[in-house]
C-alpha cells in the first residue's frame, strides 16, 4: 500500500513540475524516484508471486532509503518522506507475518 501512496505522490510532483514549466525538475523527480516505480511494479505482483517479489520490493525500498538520505544531504525536505516511506516498507516486509503471507499457496 505504501508503494502505491508514494507513486501517487511522485506522479503528482512530476505533474506539478511539468505544469510549472520546469521539465528539468520533472525529469529529475522521475529519475530520483525510480525505486518507487520499481517497487510499485513489485507490489502489483504480491498477490500471485512468492518470496521473490518481497525480496525485490525490499531492495527497491532500500534504494528509496538511500535516495531519501541523499536528498536530505542536499537539504531537500522531500527526502525525509522518501526515507521514512522506504524505512516503513522495509520494516513491514521484514516482519514474520509478512514472510508467512508470502509463503502461502498462491491463488490464481
N, C-alpha and C. Protein backbone atom coordinates (compact mmCIF):
# COMPACT_ATOMS: atom_id res chain seq x y z
N UNK A 1 0.82 -1.20 0.00
CA UNK A 1 0.00 0.00 0.00
C UNK A 1 0.87 1.26 0.00
N UNK A 2 1.96 1.23 0.73
CA UNK A 2 2.82 2.41 0.81
C UNK A 2 3.48 2.72 -0.53
N UNK A 3 3.78 1.68 -1.30
CA UNK A 3 4.34 1.92 -2.64
C UNK A 3 3.33 2.67 -3.51
N UNK A 4 2.05 2.33 -3.39
CA UNK A 4 1.03 3.00 -4.19
C UNK A 4 0.88 4.46 -3.78
N UNK A 5 0.92 4.72 -2.48
CA UNK A 5 0.83 6.10 -1.99
C UNK A 5 2.02 6.91 -2.49
N UNK A 6 3.20 6.34 -2.37
CA UNK A 6 4.41 7.04 -2.80
C UNK A 6 4.40 7.29 -4.30
N UNK A 7 3.90 6.33 -5.07
CA UNK A 7 3.81 6.51 -6.53
C UNK A 7 2.86 7.65 -6.87
N UNK A 8 1.76 7.74 -6.17
CA UNK A 8 0.82 8.84 -6.38
C UNK A 8 1.46 10.19 -6.08
N UNK A 9 2.22 10.25 -4.99
CA UNK A 9 2.90 11.50 -4.64
C UNK A 9 3.96 11.87 -5.67
N UNK A 10 4.68 10.88 -6.16
CA UNK A 10 5.69 11.14 -7.19
C UNK A 10 5.02 11.64 -8.47
N UNK A 11 3.94 10.99 -8.87
CA UNK A 11 3.23 11.40 -10.08
C UNK A 11 2.70 12.82 -9.94
N UNK A 12 2.17 13.15 -8.76
CA UNK A 12 1.68 14.50 -8.51
C UNK A 12 2.81 15.52 -8.60
N UNK A 13 3.95 15.20 -8.00
CA UNK A 13 5.09 16.11 -8.04
C UNK A 13 5.62 16.32 -9.44
N UNK A 14 5.67 15.25 -10.23
CA UNK A 14 6.14 15.36 -11.62
C UNK A 14 5.17 16.21 -12.44
N UNK A 15 3.87 15.99 -12.24
CA UNK A 15 2.89 16.78 -12.99
C UNK A 15 2.96 18.26 -12.61
N UNK A 16 3.09 18.55 -11.33
CA UNK A 16 3.18 19.95 -10.89
C UNK A 16 4.42 20.61 -11.48
N UNK A 17 5.55 19.90 -11.45
CA UNK A 17 6.78 20.46 -12.00
C UNK A 17 6.66 20.68 -13.51
N UNK A 18 6.03 19.74 -14.20
CA UNK A 18 5.86 19.88 -15.65
C UNK A 18 4.91 21.03 -15.99
N UNK A 19 3.82 21.15 -15.23
CA UNK A 19 2.87 22.24 -15.49
C UNK A 19 3.44 23.59 -15.11
N UNK A 20 4.39 23.61 -14.18
CA UNK A 20 5.02 24.86 -13.78
C UNK A 20 6.06 25.31 -14.82
N UNK A 21 6.29 24.49 -15.81
CA UNK A 21 7.21 24.86 -16.88
C UNK A 21 8.65 24.53 -16.58
N UNK A 22 8.88 23.53 -15.74
CA UNK A 22 10.25 23.13 -15.40
C UNK A 22 10.45 21.66 -15.75
N UNK A 23 10.67 21.34 -17.03
CA UNK A 23 10.81 19.94 -17.43
C UNK A 23 12.06 19.29 -16.84
N UNK A 24 13.08 20.07 -16.56
CA UNK A 24 14.29 19.51 -15.96
C UNK A 24 14.01 18.98 -14.55
N UNK A 25 13.23 19.74 -13.78
CA UNK A 25 12.85 19.30 -12.45
C UNK A 25 11.95 18.07 -12.51
N UNK A 26 11.01 18.07 -13.47
CA UNK A 26 10.11 16.92 -13.62
C UNK A 26 10.90 15.65 -13.94
N UNK A 27 11.85 15.76 -14.85
CA UNK A 27 12.69 14.60 -15.18
C UNK A 27 13.56 14.17 -14.02
N UNK A 28 14.06 15.13 -13.27
CA UNK A 28 14.87 14.81 -12.10
C UNK A 28 14.05 14.09 -11.03
N UNK A 29 12.83 14.55 -10.83
CA UNK A 29 11.96 13.88 -9.85
C UNK A 29 11.66 12.45 -10.28
N UNK A 30 11.43 12.27 -11.55
CA UNK A 30 11.13 10.93 -12.05
C UNK A 30 12.35 10.03 -11.93
N UNK A 31 13.53 10.56 -12.23
CA UNK A 31 14.75 9.75 -12.16
C UNK A 31 15.14 9.38 -10.75
N UNK A 32 15.03 10.34 -9.83
CA UNK A 32 15.41 10.08 -8.44
C UNK A 32 14.45 9.07 -7.80
N UNK A 33 13.22 9.08 -8.24
CA UNK A 33 12.22 8.20 -7.65
C UNK A 33 12.03 6.91 -8.44
N UNK A 34 13.03 6.52 -9.20
CA UNK A 34 12.97 5.25 -9.93
C UNK A 34 12.70 4.05 -9.00
N UNK A 35 13.30 3.99 -7.80
CA UNK A 35 12.99 2.86 -6.92
C UNK A 35 11.52 2.77 -6.54
N UNK A 36 10.84 3.89 -6.48
CA UNK A 36 9.40 3.88 -6.17
C UNK A 36 8.64 3.21 -7.31
N UNK A 37 9.02 3.52 -8.53
CA UNK A 37 8.34 2.93 -9.69
C UNK A 37 8.59 1.43 -9.74
N UNK A 38 9.83 1.01 -9.50
CA UNK A 38 10.14 -0.42 -9.44
C UNK A 38 9.40 -1.11 -8.32
N UNK A 39 9.28 -0.45 -7.19
CA UNK A 39 8.59 -1.03 -6.05
C UNK A 39 7.11 -1.22 -6.30
N UNK A 40 6.49 -0.28 -6.99
CA UNK A 40 5.06 -0.43 -7.26
C UNK A 40 4.81 -1.55 -8.26
N UNK A 41 5.74 -1.77 -9.17
CA UNK A 41 5.62 -2.91 -10.08
C UNK A 41 5.68 -4.21 -9.29
N UNK A 42 6.58 -4.28 -8.32
CA UNK A 42 6.65 -5.47 -7.45
C UNK A 42 5.36 -5.62 -6.65
N UNK A 43 4.81 -4.50 -6.17
CA UNK A 43 3.59 -4.56 -5.36
C UNK A 43 2.42 -5.13 -6.15
N UNK A 44 2.38 -4.88 -7.46
CA UNK A 44 1.33 -5.47 -8.28
C UNK A 44 1.47 -6.99 -8.36
N UNK A 45 2.66 -7.51 -8.13
CA UNK A 45 2.92 -8.95 -8.21
C UNK A 45 2.77 -9.65 -6.86
N UNK A 46 2.51 -8.92 -5.80
CA UNK A 46 2.46 -9.53 -4.47
C UNK A 46 1.41 -10.63 -4.35
N UNK A 47 0.28 -10.47 -4.98
CA UNK A 47 -0.81 -11.44 -4.83
C UNK A 47 -0.54 -12.78 -5.49
N UNK A 48 0.26 -12.81 -6.54
CA UNK A 48 0.45 -14.03 -7.30
C UNK A 48 1.84 -14.64 -7.14
N UNK A 49 2.81 -13.85 -6.81
CA UNK A 49 4.17 -14.39 -6.74
C UNK A 49 4.57 -14.64 -5.29
N UNK A 50 5.68 -15.27 -5.12
CA UNK A 50 6.12 -15.67 -3.80
C UNK A 50 7.13 -14.72 -3.21
N UNK A 51 8.14 -15.30 -2.63
CA UNK A 51 9.13 -14.57 -1.88
C UNK A 51 9.99 -13.65 -2.75
N UNK A 52 10.11 -13.94 -4.03
CA UNK A 52 10.95 -13.13 -4.91
C UNK A 52 10.47 -11.69 -5.02
N UNK A 53 9.16 -11.49 -5.11
CA UNK A 53 8.61 -10.14 -5.18
C UNK A 53 8.87 -9.39 -3.88
N UNK A 54 8.80 -10.10 -2.78
CA UNK A 54 9.05 -9.47 -1.47
C UNK A 54 10.50 -9.02 -1.37
N UNK A 55 11.42 -9.87 -1.74
CA UNK A 55 12.84 -9.53 -1.66
C UNK A 55 13.16 -8.37 -2.60
N UNK A 56 12.61 -8.39 -3.80
CA UNK A 56 12.84 -7.31 -4.75
C UNK A 56 12.26 -6.00 -4.23
N UNK A 57 11.09 -6.07 -3.61
CA UNK A 57 10.49 -4.86 -3.05
C UNK A 57 11.34 -4.31 -1.90
N UNK A 58 11.94 -5.19 -1.10
CA UNK A 58 12.83 -4.74 -0.03
C UNK A 58 14.06 -4.04 -0.62
N UNK A 59 14.57 -4.57 -1.72
CA UNK A 59 15.73 -3.94 -2.37
C UNK A 59 15.33 -2.55 -2.88
N UNK A 60 14.18 -2.43 -3.53
CA UNK A 60 13.73 -1.13 -4.01
C UNK A 60 13.49 -0.16 -2.85
N UNK A 61 12.92 -0.65 -1.75
CA UNK A 61 12.70 0.21 -0.60
C UNK A 61 14.03 0.66 0.01
N UNK A 62 15.02 -0.21 -0.01
CA UNK A 62 16.36 0.18 0.48
C UNK A 62 16.96 1.27 -0.41
N UNK A 63 16.72 1.17 -1.71
CA UNK A 63 17.17 2.23 -2.62
C UNK A 63 16.42 3.53 -2.35
N UNK A 64 15.15 3.42 -1.95
CA UNK A 64 14.40 4.62 -1.56
C UNK A 64 15.04 5.27 -0.34
N UNK A 65 15.47 4.46 0.62
CA UNK A 65 16.12 5.00 1.80
C UNK A 65 17.39 5.75 1.40
N UNK A 66 18.18 5.14 0.53
CA UNK A 66 19.43 5.78 0.09
C UNK A 66 19.14 7.08 -0.66
N UNK A 67 18.13 7.08 -1.52
CA UNK A 67 17.78 8.30 -2.27
C UNK A 67 17.26 9.38 -1.32
N UNK A 68 16.50 8.96 -0.33
CA UNK A 68 16.00 9.93 0.65
C UNK A 68 17.12 10.54 1.46
N UNK A 69 18.09 9.73 1.85
CA UNK A 69 19.24 10.26 2.59
C UNK A 69 20.06 11.21 1.71
N UNK A 70 20.18 10.88 0.43
CA UNK A 70 20.89 11.76 -0.49
C UNK A 70 20.19 13.10 -0.64
N UNK A 71 18.87 13.07 -0.71
CA UNK A 71 18.11 14.32 -0.82
C UNK A 71 18.22 15.13 0.46
N UNK A 72 18.19 14.44 1.60
CA UNK A 72 18.36 15.15 2.87
C UNK A 72 19.74 15.77 2.96
N UNK A 73 20.74 15.09 2.43
CA UNK A 73 22.09 15.62 2.41
C UNK A 73 22.21 16.88 1.57
N UNK A 74 21.31 17.03 0.61
CA UNK A 74 21.29 18.23 -0.23
C UNK A 74 20.28 19.26 0.29
N UNK A 75 19.83 19.05 1.52
CA UNK A 75 18.90 19.95 2.21
C UNK A 75 17.55 20.08 1.48
N UNK A 76 17.07 18.95 0.97
CA UNK A 76 15.75 18.92 0.35
C UNK A 76 14.80 18.18 1.30
N UNK A 77 13.82 18.87 1.84
CA UNK A 77 12.95 18.26 2.85
C UNK A 77 12.11 17.09 2.32
N UNK A 78 11.89 17.02 1.02
CA UNK A 78 11.12 15.90 0.46
C UNK A 78 11.85 14.57 0.65
N UNK A 79 13.16 14.62 0.86
CA UNK A 79 13.92 13.40 1.11
C UNK A 79 13.49 12.70 2.38
N UNK A 80 12.97 13.46 3.34
CA UNK A 80 12.51 12.85 4.60
C UNK A 80 11.33 11.92 4.34
N UNK A 81 10.43 12.32 3.46
CA UNK A 81 9.28 11.48 3.13
C UNK A 81 9.72 10.19 2.45
N UNK A 82 10.63 10.31 1.49
CA UNK A 82 11.11 9.11 0.78
C UNK A 82 11.87 8.19 1.74
N UNK A 83 12.67 8.77 2.61
CA UNK A 83 13.41 7.98 3.60
C UNK A 83 12.44 7.26 4.54
N UNK A 84 11.46 7.99 5.06
CA UNK A 84 10.51 7.40 6.02
C UNK A 84 9.67 6.30 5.37
N UNK A 85 9.20 6.53 4.15
CA UNK A 85 8.39 5.51 3.47
C UNK A 85 9.22 4.28 3.15
N UNK A 86 10.44 4.48 2.70
CA UNK A 86 11.31 3.34 2.41
C UNK A 86 11.60 2.53 3.66
N UNK A 87 11.86 3.23 4.77
CA UNK A 87 12.13 2.55 6.04
C UNK A 87 10.90 1.76 6.51
N UNK A 88 9.73 2.38 6.40
CA UNK A 88 8.50 1.70 6.80
C UNK A 88 8.25 0.45 5.95
N UNK A 89 8.50 0.54 4.67
CA UNK A 89 8.30 -0.61 3.78
C UNK A 89 9.25 -1.74 4.15
N UNK A 90 10.52 -1.41 4.38
CA UNK A 90 11.50 -2.44 4.76
C UNK A 90 11.08 -3.12 6.06
N UNK A 91 10.68 -2.32 7.04
CA UNK A 91 10.29 -2.88 8.34
C UNK A 91 9.06 -3.77 8.19
N UNK A 92 8.06 -3.30 7.47
CA UNK A 92 6.83 -4.08 7.33
C UNK A 92 7.05 -5.37 6.53
N UNK A 93 7.85 -5.32 5.49
CA UNK A 93 8.09 -6.53 4.70
C UNK A 93 9.04 -7.50 5.40
N UNK A 94 9.76 -7.06 6.40
CA UNK A 94 10.70 -7.92 7.11
C UNK A 94 10.07 -8.63 8.30
N UNK A 95 8.84 -8.36 8.60
CA UNK A 95 8.18 -8.99 9.75
C UNK A 95 7.83 -10.44 9.47
N UNK A 96 7.69 -11.20 10.52
CA UNK A 96 7.37 -12.63 10.41
C UNK A 96 6.03 -12.85 9.71
N UNK A 97 5.03 -12.05 10.04
CA UNK A 97 3.71 -12.21 9.42
C UNK A 97 3.77 -11.99 7.91
N UNK A 98 4.61 -11.07 7.50
CA UNK A 98 4.78 -10.83 6.07
C UNK A 98 5.39 -12.05 5.39
N UNK A 99 6.39 -12.65 6.02
CA UNK A 99 7.01 -13.85 5.48
C UNK A 99 6.02 -14.99 5.34
N UNK A 100 5.16 -15.14 6.34
CA UNK A 100 4.14 -16.19 6.29
C UNK A 100 3.16 -15.94 5.15
N UNK A 101 2.80 -14.69 4.93
CA UNK A 101 1.85 -14.38 3.88
C UNK A 101 2.45 -14.67 2.51
N UNK A 102 3.72 -14.36 2.31
CA UNK A 102 4.36 -14.60 1.02
C UNK A 102 4.65 -16.08 0.78
N UNK A 103 4.69 -16.89 1.84
CA UNK A 103 4.93 -18.33 1.67
C UNK A 103 3.64 -19.11 1.49
N UNK A 104 2.50 -18.46 1.51
CA UNK A 104 1.22 -19.15 1.37
C UNK A 104 1.10 -19.74 -0.03
N UNK A 105 0.14 -20.60 -0.19
CA UNK A 105 -0.13 -21.18 -1.51
C UNK A 105 -0.82 -20.12 -2.38
N UNK A 106 -0.24 -19.77 -3.52
CA UNK A 106 -0.84 -18.71 -4.36
C UNK A 106 -2.18 -19.14 -4.93
N UNK A 107 -3.09 -18.18 -5.01
CA UNK A 107 -4.41 -18.42 -5.61
C UNK A 107 -4.45 -17.70 -6.95
N UNK A 108 -4.86 -18.43 -7.97
CA UNK A 108 -4.88 -17.83 -9.31
C UNK A 108 -6.25 -17.52 -9.75
